[in-house]
Amino acid sequence: MTPILNLRKSQPSTAAHLHVRHSSKPDLEAALLLACLALLAIALLGPSLEQPGHYHAFADRRALFGIPNLMDVLSNLAFAGFGALGLWRLWRIPRRMPSIAQLRLARLFFFGLVATALFSSGYHLKLDDAGLAIDRYGMTIAFAGLLGLAVSTRISDRAGQWLALAVLACGASSIWTWSATGNVLPWVTLQFGGMALMLGLGCLPARSNALPVSWIAVIVLYALAKVLEQADVQVYHLTGQWISGHTLKHVVASLAALPVLAALAHSGRP
């Protein structure tokens, strides 16, 4: 009789615990909304920030077979490969796992990787502001899917889908603002603010039936990619002019697909 009585006594506390977890979702959605509004205020009200005049002066300008900037062009194959692999994996995963919303956001992310490969290759074939703007559109698609997926696995599917739409809209607006006025602050805010949000989301517990993506691994890879991008010339000289930091940036950034692919493989197991 004693074990049965103990079990019955434990049920109300478990139910209360579940109720607390359930009722906390609106609070998390509200916190996410406030964070997004704060980032929007920074993008709109912050001081104008100009893109460096030497932005297009990448270290490795070697051409081969008539293809300019060959290494920076070819390294985009990593984005295309992981994007295509992800789309193929999504086509084979059971539709019951995980939620439909998470599958759609993952699909948007992998489609964005393919778009990034195409648009970034075009930009590196002809280095100018117009090509860079198109390149950033591809990055926006991938970023919207990735950040939306992070929100969906930690807060709610509804919040994840709305945030993905917001990132698509704000990304397009920030690119247009830079093209029209030269102010790159909205784009910088979108990138680094989004990563700050993802860092916070990575510290939250995963929802039930969520894709088990290691968001901390995604952030580490993204941070390493940014370091390589900034150290473009230094890496080029350290490697004896064999490979540049920007070329490695493409490869490392594409590796952010691996935690998502690993989560899909885990969810697809019988």
Protein backbone atom coordinates (compact mmCIF):
# COMPACT_ATOMS: atom_id res chain seq x y z
CA MET A 1 0.00 0.00 0.00
CA THR A 2 2.79 2.45 0.75
CA PRO A 3 4.27 2.58 -2.80
CA ILE A 4 0.81 3.15 -4.24
CA LEU A 5 0.14 5.99 -1.81
CA ASN A 6 3.48 7.59 -2.63
CA LEU A 7 2.80 7.37 -6.32
CA ARG A 8 -0.55 9.04 -5.94
CA LYS A 9 0.98 11.78 -3.86
CA SER A 10 3.55 12.49 -6.55
CA GLN A 11 1.01 12.96 -9.33
CA PRO A 12 -0.22 16.48 -8.39
CA SER A 13 3.32 17.86 -8.28
CA THR A 14 4.06 16.34 -11.71
CA ALA A 15 0.88 17.82 -13.14
CA ALA A 16 1.72 21.18 -11.63
CA HIS A 17 5.20 20.97 -13.13
CA LEU A 18 3.75 20.27 -16.56
CA HIS A 19 1.32 23.14 -16.14
CA VAL A 20 4.16 25.51 -15.31
CA ARG A 21 6.11 24.40 -18.37
CA HIS A 22 3.04 24.83 -20.58
CA SER A 23 2.11 28.24 -19.20
CA SER A 24 5.67 29.49 -19.69
CA LYS A 25 5.41 29.37 -23.48
CA PRO A 26 3.48 32.65 -23.80
CA ASP A 27 6.11 34.24 -21.55
CA LEU A 28 8.86 32.99 -23.85
CA GLU A 29 7.00 34.23 -26.91
CA ALA A 30 6.61 37.63 -25.28
CA ALA A 31 10.31 37.72 -24.39
CA LEU A 32 11.19 36.81 -27.98
CA LEU A 33 8.95 39.58 -29.29
CA LEU A 34 10.57 42.14 -26.98
CA ALA A 35 14.06 41.02 -28.06
CA CYS A 36 13.10 41.34 -31.74
CA LEU A 37 11.63 44.81 -31.15
CA ALA A 38 14.84 45.85 -29.40
CA LEU A 39 16.92 44.67 -32.38
CA LEU A 40 14.55 46.47 -34.75
CA ALA A 41 15.00 49.67 -32.76
CA ILE A 42 18.79 49.35 -33.01
CA ALA A 43 18.59 48.78 -36.76
CA LEU A 44 16.28 51.76 -37.33
CA LEU A 45 17.55 54.26 -34.75
CA GLY A 46 21.23 53.38 -34.47
CA PRO A 47 23.97 55.44 -36.15
CA SER A 48 24.57 54.88 -39.84
CA LEU A 49 27.30 52.36 -40.52
CA GLU A 50 29.19 52.29 -43.80
CA GLN A 51 30.54 49.14 -45.37
CA PRO A 52 34.36 49.21 -45.63
CA GLY A 53 35.51 50.49 -49.00
CA HIS A 54 37.89 47.55 -49.40
CA TYR A 55 35.17 44.95 -48.77
CA HIS A 56 35.48 43.40 -52.24
CA ALA A 57 39.29 43.16 -52.03
CA PHE A 58 39.58 39.48 -51.10
CA ALA A 59 43.00 37.95 -50.61
CA ASP A 60 42.83 35.12 -53.14
CA ARG A 61 42.21 36.58 -56.60
CA ARG A 62 43.70 33.70 -58.59
CA ALA A 63 41.97 32.70 -61.80
CA LEU A 64 42.08 29.32 -63.53
CA PHE A 65 40.45 28.07 -66.73
CA GLY A 66 39.11 31.57 -67.24
CA ILE A 67 37.28 31.55 -63.89
CA PRO A 68 38.16 34.56 -61.70
CA ASN A 69 38.51 34.14 -57.95
CA LEU A 70 38.38 30.39 -58.49
CA MET A 71 38.76 29.20 -54.88
CA ASP A 72 36.09 31.52 -53.51
CA VAL A 73 33.76 30.37 -56.29
CA LEU A 74 34.41 26.64 -55.91
CA SER A 75 34.13 26.70 -52.10
CA ASN A 76 30.43 27.49 -52.54
CA LEU A 77 29.97 23.88 -53.63
CA ALA A 78 29.96 23.06 -49.91
CA PHE A 79 26.75 25.07 -49.47
CA ALA A 80 25.19 23.39 -52.50
CA GLY A 81 26.20 19.91 -51.35
CA PHE A 82 24.85 20.24 -47.81
CA GLY A 83 21.73 21.99 -49.06
CA ALA A 84 20.95 19.25 -51.56
CA LEU A 85 21.72 16.55 -48.98
CA GLY A 86 19.38 18.19 -46.49
CA LEU A 87 16.52 18.46 -48.99
CA TRP A 88 16.98 14.81 -49.94
CA ARG A 89 17.01 13.80 -46.27
CA LEU A 90 13.80 15.73 -45.63
CA TRP A 91 12.13 13.97 -48.53
CA ARG A 92 12.84 10.61 -46.88
CA ILE A 93 12.09 11.44 -43.24
CA PRO A 94 8.78 10.17 -41.79
CA ARG A 95 6.26 13.02 -41.86
CA ARG A 96 5.16 12.29 -38.29
CA MET A 97 8.55 13.36 -36.92
CA PRO A 98 9.11 16.09 -36.04
CA SER A 99 6.32 18.67 -36.45
CA ILE A 100 5.30 19.81 -39.92
CA ALA A 101 6.37 23.36 -39.04
CA GLN A 102 9.90 22.22 -38.17
CA LEU A 103 10.15 20.23 -41.39
CA ARG A 104 9.11 23.32 -43.37
CA LEU A 105 11.63 25.53 -41.59
CA ALA A 106 14.39 22.96 -42.13
CA ARG A 107 13.41 22.84 -45.79
CA LEU A 108 13.67 26.64 -45.98
CA PHE A 109 17.13 26.47 -44.43
CA PHE A 110 18.46 23.86 -46.85
CA PHE A 111 16.88 25.63 -49.82
CA GLY A 112 18.61 28.78 -48.61
CA LEU A 113 21.95 26.97 -48.63
CA VAL A 114 21.46 26.04 -52.28
CA ALA A 115 20.45 29.63 -53.08
CA THR A 116 23.50 30.90 -51.20
CA ALA A 117 25.76 28.66 -53.27
CA LEU A 118 24.32 30.03 -56.52
CA PHE A 119 24.19 33.69 -55.49
CA SER A 120 27.58 33.71 -53.75
CA SER A 121 29.22 32.05 -56.77
CA GLY A 122 27.76 34.75 -59.00
CA TYR A 123 29.05 37.46 -56.69
CA HIS A 124 32.58 36.06 -56.59
CA LEU A 125 32.65 35.80 -60.37
CA LYS A 126 32.05 39.56 -60.51
CA LEU A 127 32.85 41.41 -57.33
CA ASP A 128 30.56 44.43 -56.99
CA ASP A 129 27.81 45.79 -54.76
CA ALA A 130 25.00 44.50 -56.99
CA GLY A 131 26.30 40.95 -56.78
CA LEU A 132 26.82 41.26 -53.03
CA ALA A 133 23.21 42.35 -52.57
CA ILE A 134 22.01 39.24 -54.40
CA ASP A 135 24.41 37.10 -52.38
CA ARG A 136 22.87 38.43 -49.17
CA TYR A 137 19.38 37.49 -50.33
CA GLY A 138 20.47 33.85 -50.43
CA MET A 139 21.98 34.17 -46.97
CA THR A 140 18.73 35.70 -45.70
CA ILE A 141 16.72 32.67 -46.84
CA ALA A 142 19.05 30.24 -45.07
CA PHE A 143 19.20 32.40 -41.95
CA ALA A 144 15.41 32.70 -41.78
CA GLY A 145 15.00 28.93 -41.90
CA LEU A 146 17.75 28.29 -39.36
CA LEU A 147 16.64 30.90 -36.82
CA GLY A 148 12.99 29.98 -37.25
CA LEU A 149 13.85 26.34 -36.66
CA ALA A 150 15.74 27.25 -33.48
CA VAL A 151 12.69 29.11 -32.14
CA SER A 152 10.39 26.26 -33.14
CA THR A 153 12.45 23.68 -31.23
CA ARG A 154 12.68 25.82 -28.09
CA ILE A 155 9.54 27.99 -27.86
CA SER A 156 6.71 27.14 -30.29
CA ASP A 157 6.03 26.31 -33.92
CA ARG A 158 3.93 29.45 -34.22
CA ALA A 159 6.75 31.70 -33.03
CA GLY A 160 9.26 29.92 -35.26
CA GLN A 161 7.20 30.39 -38.41
CA TRP A 162 6.44 34.05 -37.66
CA LEU A 163 10.09 34.77 -36.91
CA ALA A 164 11.17 33.15 -40.19
CA LEU A 165 8.76 35.42 -42.07
CA ALA A 166 10.04 38.43 -40.12
CA VAL A 167 13.67 37.59 -40.95
CA LEU A 168 12.82 37.25 -44.64
CA ALA A 169 11.10 40.65 -44.62
CA CYS A 170 13.73 42.39 -42.49
CA GLY A 171 16.56 40.82 -44.47
CA ALA A 172 15.16 42.09 -47.76
CA SER A 173 14.56 45.51 -46.21
CA SER A 174 18.08 45.73 -44.77
CA ILE A 175 19.62 44.81 -48.14
CA TRP A 176 17.50 47.44 -49.88
CA THR A 177 18.47 50.04 -47.23
CA TRP A 178 22.16 49.33 -47.75
CA SER A 179 21.83 49.49 -51.55
CA ALA A 180 19.90 52.77 -51.40
CA THR A 181 21.69 54.62 -48.58
CA GLY A 182 24.97 52.80 -47.89
CA ASN A 183 23.90 52.10 -44.30
CA VAL A 184 24.81 48.51 -43.47
CA LEU A 185 23.73 48.68 -39.81
CA PRO A 186 20.35 46.93 -40.35
CA TRP A 187 22.10 44.00 -42.05
CA VAL A 188 24.75 43.77 -39.32
CA THR A 189 22.03 43.89 -36.65
CA LEU A 190 20.13 41.10 -38.38
CA GLN A 191 23.20 38.88 -38.51
CA PHE A 192 24.67 39.39 -35.06
CA GLY A 193 21.35 39.99 -33.31
CA GLY A 194 20.05 36.76 -34.78
CA MET A 195 23.08 34.88 -33.50
CA ALA A 196 22.59 36.40 -30.05
CA LEU A 197 19.00 35.16 -30.12
CA MET A 198 20.16 31.70 -31.15
CA LEU A 199 22.65 31.65 -28.29
CA GLY A 200 19.86 32.38 -25.85
CA LEU A 201 17.62 29.76 -27.46
CA GLY A 202 20.39 27.19 -27.20
CA CYS A 203 20.35 27.60 -23.42
CA LEU A 204 16.63 26.73 -23.21
CA PRO A 205 15.35 23.15 -22.85
CA ALA A 206 14.08 21.54 -26.03
CA ARG A 207 10.36 21.07 -26.57
CA SER A 208 8.92 17.57 -26.73
CA ASN A 209 9.10 16.05 -30.20
CA ALA A 210 11.53 18.77 -31.30
CA LEU A 211 14.44 18.20 -33.64
CA PRO A 212 17.45 17.62 -31.34
CA VAL A 213 19.66 20.23 -32.98
CA SER A 214 22.79 21.32 -31.12
CA TRP A 215 22.38 25.08 -31.47
CA ILE A 216 25.56 25.74 -29.53
CA ALA A 217 27.48 23.81 -32.22
CA VAL A 218 25.82 25.95 -34.89
CA ILE A 219 26.88 29.13 -33.09
CA VAL A 220 30.47 27.92 -32.65
CA LEU A 221 30.74 27.14 -36.37
CA TYR A 222 29.25 30.51 -37.29
CA ALA A 223 31.64 32.34 -34.97
CA LEU A 224 34.62 30.48 -36.46
CA ALA A 225 33.42 31.37 -39.96
CA LYS A 226 33.28 35.07 -39.02
CA VAL A 227 36.81 34.90 -37.58
CA LEU A 228 38.10 33.35 -40.80
CA GLU A 229 36.29 36.00 -42.83
CA GLN A 230 37.98 38.80 -40.88
CA ALA A 231 41.37 37.07 -41.10
CA ASP A 232 41.13 36.54 -44.87
CA VAL A 233 44.57 37.96 -45.75
CA GLN A 234 46.34 36.60 -42.67
CA VAL A 235 45.15 33.03 -43.33
CA TYR A 236 46.17 33.35 -46.98
CA HIS A 237 49.74 34.24 -46.01
CA LEU A 238 49.93 31.73 -43.14
CA THR A 239 49.05 28.91 -45.54
CA GLY A 240 51.70 30.00 -48.04
CA GLN A 241 49.03 31.51 -50.34
CA TRP A 242 47.38 28.12 -50.67
CA ILE A 243 43.96 28.99 -49.26
CA SER A 244 42.42 32.18 -47.93
CA GLY A 245 40.33 32.91 -44.87
CA HIS A 246 37.30 33.76 -47.01
CA THR A 247 37.47 30.45 -48.83
CA LEU A 248 37.62 28.60 -45.51
CA LYS A 249 34.78 30.78 -44.24
CA HIS A 250 32.51 29.32 -46.95
CA VAL A 251 33.41 25.77 -45.96
CA VAL A 252 33.07 26.28 -42.20
CA ALA A 253 29.79 28.21 -42.54
CA SER A 254 28.36 25.38 -44.63
CA LEU A 255 29.19 22.96 -41.79
CA ALA A 256 26.39 24.60 -39.78
CA ALA A 257 24.16 22.21 -41.71
CA LEU A 258 25.72 19.21 -39.93
CA PRO A 259 23.90 19.64 -36.57
CA VAL A 260 20.59 19.91 -38.45
CA LEU A 261 21.40 16.87 -40.59
CA ALA A 262 22.38 14.90 -37.48
CA ALA A 263 19.08 15.84 -35.83
CA LEU A 264 17.13 14.72 -38.90
CA ALA A 265 18.98 11.41 -38.93
CA HIS A 266 18.16 10.89 -35.26
CA SER A 267 14.48 11.74 -35.78
CA GLY A 268 14.22 9.44 -38.77
CA ARG A 269 15.25 6.33 -36.85
CA PRO A 270 12.51 3.77 -36.30
